[in-house]
């Protein structure tokens, strides 16, 4: 048994190193997956906020367009009355 260990110690050490590296790699993958999930959640919140703001801007632009149409109508009537 001892001679087998002495004969194959580089292979055994390499296997242990590969296993340790794979465990470390899996840990990093899990960490990155959690980070991606956090970022996606944050982006969804930001998208919701931007959508709300765009809706408000759209409403204001619609109101402004209506007012401009009213003013245009007033100016046309004023010109016709002259």
N, C-alpha and C. Protein backbone atom coordinates (compact mmCIF):
# COMPACT_ATOMS: atom_id res chain seq x y z
N UNK A 1 0.83 -1.19 0.00
CA UNK A 1 0.00 0.00 0.00
C UNK A 1 0.87 1.25 0.00
N UNK A 2 1.88 1.21 0.83
CA UNK A 2 2.77 2.37 0.92
C UNK A 2 3.50 2.61 -0.38
N UNK A 3 3.88 1.54 -1.06
CA UNK A 3 4.59 1.69 -2.32
C UNK A 3 3.66 2.26 -3.41
N UNK A 4 2.37 1.93 -3.34
CA UNK A 4 1.42 2.47 -4.31
C UNK A 4 1.28 3.98 -4.12
N UNK A 5 1.19 4.40 -2.86
CA UNK A 5 1.07 5.83 -2.56
C UNK A 5 2.33 6.56 -3.01
N UNK A 6 3.48 6.01 -2.72
CA UNK A 6 4.73 6.65 -3.13
C UNK A 6 4.86 6.68 -4.65
N UNK A 7 4.35 5.67 -5.32
CA UNK A 7 4.47 5.59 -6.77
C UNK A 7 3.52 6.58 -7.47
N UNK A 8 2.30 6.73 -6.93
CA UNK A 8 1.29 7.55 -7.59
C UNK A 8 0.99 8.86 -6.87
N UNK A 9 1.89 9.33 -6.02
CA UNK A 9 1.60 10.56 -5.28
C UNK A 9 1.38 11.77 -6.18
N UNK A 10 2.07 11.90 -7.31
CA UNK A 10 1.77 13.06 -8.17
C UNK A 10 0.33 13.01 -8.73
N UNK A 11 -0.12 11.81 -9.08
CA UNK A 11 -1.46 11.65 -9.62
C UNK A 11 -2.50 11.94 -8.53
N UNK A 12 -2.26 11.44 -7.34
CA UNK A 12 -3.17 11.67 -6.22
C UNK A 12 -3.24 13.17 -5.90
N UNK A 13 -2.09 13.82 -5.87
CA UNK A 13 -2.04 15.25 -5.61
C UNK A 13 -2.77 16.04 -6.70
N UNK A 14 -2.60 15.62 -7.95
CA UNK A 14 -3.28 16.29 -9.06
C UNK A 14 -4.80 16.11 -8.93
N UNK A 15 -5.26 14.91 -8.58
CA UNK A 15 -6.69 14.68 -8.40
C UNK A 15 -7.27 15.54 -7.28
N UNK A 16 -6.56 15.62 -6.18
CA UNK A 16 -7.02 16.45 -5.05
C UNK A 16 -7.06 17.91 -5.47
N UNK A 17 -6.08 18.35 -6.21
CA UNK A 17 -6.04 19.74 -6.69
C UNK A 17 -7.20 20.03 -7.65
N UNK A 18 -7.47 19.10 -8.55
CA UNK A 18 -8.58 19.28 -9.49
C UNK A 18 -9.91 19.33 -8.75
N UNK A 19 -10.10 18.48 -7.77
CA UNK A 19 -11.33 18.47 -6.99
C UNK A 19 -11.49 19.79 -6.23
N UNK A 20 -10.42 20.27 -5.62
CA UNK A 20 -10.47 21.55 -4.90
C UNK A 20 -10.79 22.69 -5.87
N UNK A 21 -10.19 22.66 -7.06
CA UNK A 21 -10.44 23.69 -8.06
C UNK A 21 -11.90 23.67 -8.51
N UNK A 22 -12.46 22.48 -8.73
CA UNK A 22 -13.86 22.36 -9.14
C UNK A 22 -14.81 22.87 -8.06
N UNK A 23 -14.51 22.59 -6.80
CA UNK A 23 -15.35 23.08 -5.70
C UNK A 23 -15.31 24.61 -5.68
N UNK A 24 -14.13 25.16 -5.83
CA UNK A 24 -13.97 26.61 -5.86
C UNK A 24 -14.71 27.22 -7.04
N UNK A 25 -14.61 26.59 -8.18
CA UNK A 25 -15.29 27.06 -9.38
C UNK A 25 -16.82 27.03 -9.20
N UNK A 26 -17.33 25.98 -8.62
CA UNK A 26 -18.77 25.88 -8.36
C UNK A 26 -19.23 26.98 -7.41
N UNK A 27 -18.41 27.29 -6.43
CA UNK A 27 -18.73 28.37 -5.49
C UNK A 27 -18.83 29.70 -6.23
N UNK A 28 -17.91 29.95 -7.13
CA UNK A 28 -17.94 31.20 -7.90
C UNK A 28 -19.17 31.26 -8.80
N UNK A 29 -19.53 30.14 -9.39
CA UNK A 29 -20.70 30.11 -10.26
C UNK A 29 -21.95 30.45 -9.45
N UNK A 30 -22.09 29.89 -8.27
CA UNK A 30 -23.24 30.18 -7.41
C UNK A 30 -23.26 31.67 -7.03
N UNK A 31 -22.10 32.21 -6.69
CA UNK A 31 -22.00 33.62 -6.32
C UNK A 31 -22.40 34.52 -7.49
N UNK A 32 -21.95 34.19 -8.68
CA UNK A 32 -22.27 35.00 -9.85
C UNK A 32 -23.75 34.87 -10.21
N UNK A 33 -24.31 33.69 -10.01
CA UNK A 33 -25.74 33.50 -10.26
C UNK A 33 -26.56 34.38 -9.33
N UNK A 34 -26.18 34.45 -8.08
CA UNK A 34 -26.88 35.30 -7.12
C UNK A 34 -26.74 36.78 -7.50
N UNK A 35 -25.55 37.17 -7.93
CA UNK A 35 -25.33 38.56 -8.35
C UNK A 35 -26.19 38.90 -9.56
N UNK A 36 -26.27 37.99 -10.51
CA UNK A 36 -27.09 38.22 -11.70
C UNK A 36 -28.55 38.36 -11.31
N UNK A 37 -29.03 37.53 -10.42
CA UNK A 37 -30.43 37.62 -9.97
C UNK A 37 -30.69 38.97 -9.29
N UNK A 38 -29.75 39.42 -8.46
CA UNK A 38 -29.89 40.73 -7.81
C UNK A 38 -29.95 41.85 -8.84
N UNK A 39 -29.08 41.80 -9.81
CA UNK A 39 -29.02 42.83 -10.85
C UNK A 39 -30.29 42.82 -11.68
N UNK A 40 -30.79 41.63 -12.02
CA UNK A 40 -32.03 41.55 -12.79
C UNK A 40 -33.20 42.15 -12.01
N UNK A 41 -33.26 41.87 -10.72
CA UNK A 41 -34.31 42.45 -9.88
C UNK A 41 -34.22 43.96 -9.84
N UNK A 42 -33.02 44.46 -9.72
CA UNK A 42 -32.80 45.90 -9.70
C UNK A 42 -33.20 46.52 -11.03
N UNK A 43 -32.87 45.86 -12.12
CA UNK A 43 -33.22 46.39 -13.44
C UNK A 43 -34.73 46.39 -13.64
N UNK A 44 -35.41 45.37 -13.14
CA UNK A 44 -36.87 45.34 -13.27
C UNK A 44 -37.50 46.51 -12.52
N UNK A 45 -36.98 46.81 -11.34
CA UNK A 45 -37.49 47.96 -10.58
C UNK A 45 -37.23 49.25 -11.35
N UNK A 46 -36.03 49.39 -11.90
CA UNK A 46 -35.70 50.59 -12.67
C UNK A 46 -36.58 50.72 -13.91
N UNK A 47 -36.85 49.61 -14.57
CA UNK A 47 -37.70 49.63 -15.75
C UNK A 47 -39.11 50.05 -15.36
N UNK A 48 -39.61 49.55 -14.23
CA UNK A 48 -40.94 49.96 -13.77
C UNK A 48 -40.99 51.46 -13.49
N UNK A 49 -39.96 51.97 -12.84
CA UNK A 49 -39.91 53.41 -12.55
C UNK A 49 -39.89 54.22 -13.84
N UNK A 50 -39.06 53.80 -14.78
CA UNK A 50 -38.96 54.52 -16.06
C UNK A 50 -40.28 54.46 -16.83
N UNK A 51 -40.95 53.32 -16.77
CA UNK A 51 -42.23 53.18 -17.45
C UNK A 51 -43.26 54.14 -16.86
N UNK A 52 -43.28 54.23 -15.52
CA UNK A 52 -44.19 55.18 -14.88
C UNK A 52 -43.88 56.62 -15.29
N UNK A 53 -42.61 56.96 -15.32
CA UNK A 53 -42.22 58.32 -15.70
C UNK A 53 -42.57 58.60 -17.16
N UNK A 54 -42.37 57.63 -18.03
CA UNK A 54 -42.72 57.81 -19.44
C UNK A 54 -44.23 57.97 -19.61
N UNK A 55 -44.99 57.23 -18.82
CA UNK A 55 -46.45 57.38 -18.88
C UNK A 55 -46.87 58.79 -18.47
N UNK A 56 -46.25 59.31 -17.42
CA UNK A 56 -46.56 60.67 -16.99
C UNK A 56 -46.17 61.70 -18.04
N UNK A 57 -45.01 61.51 -18.65
CA UNK A 57 -44.56 62.43 -19.70
C UNK A 57 -45.53 62.36 -20.89
N UNK A 58 -45.97 61.16 -21.23
CA UNK A 58 -46.91 60.99 -22.33
C UNK A 58 -48.22 61.73 -22.03
N UNK A 59 -48.70 61.61 -20.81
CA UNK A 59 -49.92 62.32 -20.42
C UNK A 59 -49.74 63.84 -20.53
N UNK A 60 -48.61 64.32 -20.06
CA UNK A 60 -48.35 65.76 -20.12
C UNK A 60 -48.23 66.24 -21.56
N UNK A 61 -47.58 65.44 -22.41
CA UNK A 61 -47.46 65.81 -23.81
C UNK A 61 -48.82 65.81 -24.49
N UNK A 62 -49.67 64.86 -24.14
CA UNK A 62 -51.02 64.83 -24.72
C UNK A 62 -51.80 66.07 -24.31
N UNK A 63 -51.71 66.42 -23.04
CA UNK A 63 -52.38 67.62 -22.55
C UNK A 63 -51.84 68.86 -23.25
N UNK A 64 -50.53 68.92 -23.39
CA UNK A 64 -49.90 70.05 -24.07
C UNK A 64 -50.35 70.12 -25.53
N UNK A 65 -50.45 68.99 -26.20
CA UNK A 65 -50.92 68.96 -27.58
C UNK A 65 -52.35 69.47 -27.69
N UNK A 66 -53.19 69.07 -26.73
CA UNK A 66 -54.57 69.56 -26.73
C UNK A 66 -54.61 71.07 -26.56
N UNK A 67 -53.81 71.59 -25.65
CA UNK A 67 -53.77 73.03 -25.42
C UNK A 67 -53.28 73.78 -26.65
N UNK A 68 -52.29 73.21 -27.32
CA UNK A 68 -51.77 73.85 -28.54
C UNK A 68 -52.85 73.86 -29.62
N UNK A 69 -53.60 72.77 -29.71
CA UNK A 69 -54.71 72.72 -30.68
C UNK A 69 -55.75 73.77 -30.36
N UNK A 70 -56.06 73.95 -29.08
CA UNK A 70 -57.02 74.97 -28.67
C UNK A 70 -56.51 76.36 -29.05
N UNK A 71 -55.23 76.62 -28.76
CA UNK A 71 -54.65 77.92 -29.11
C UNK A 71 -54.67 78.15 -30.61
N UNK A 72 -54.38 77.13 -31.38
CA UNK A 72 -54.41 77.25 -32.84
C UNK A 72 -55.82 77.59 -33.30
N UNK A 73 -56.81 76.94 -32.69
CA UNK A 73 -58.20 77.25 -33.02
C UNK A 73 -58.55 78.68 -32.68
N UNK A 74 -58.10 79.16 -31.54
CA UNK A 74 -58.36 80.55 -31.14
C UNK A 74 -57.73 81.52 -32.12
N UNK A 75 -56.50 81.25 -32.53
CA UNK A 75 -55.83 82.13 -33.47
C UNK A 75 -56.54 82.14 -34.83
N UNK A 76 -57.01 80.99 -35.28
CA UNK A 76 -57.74 80.93 -36.56
C UNK A 76 -59.03 81.76 -36.48
N UNK A 77 -59.76 81.61 -35.38
CA UNK A 77 -60.98 82.37 -35.21
C UNK A 77 -60.70 83.86 -35.14
N UNK A 78 -59.62 84.21 -34.48
CA UNK A 78 -59.23 85.63 -34.36
C UNK A 78 -58.93 86.19 -35.74
N UNK A 79 -58.19 85.42 -36.54
CA UNK A 79 -57.85 85.88 -37.89
C UNK A 79 -59.10 85.99 -38.75
N UNK A 80 -60.06 85.07 -38.57
CA UNK A 80 -61.27 85.10 -39.36
C UNK A 80 -62.15 86.30 -38.96
N UNK A 81 -62.10 86.70 -37.72
CA UNK A 81 -62.91 87.81 -37.24
C UNK A 81 -62.40 89.16 -37.74
N UNK A 82 -61.17 89.23 -38.12
CA UNK A 82 -60.58 90.49 -38.58
C UNK A 82 -61.16 90.97 -39.85
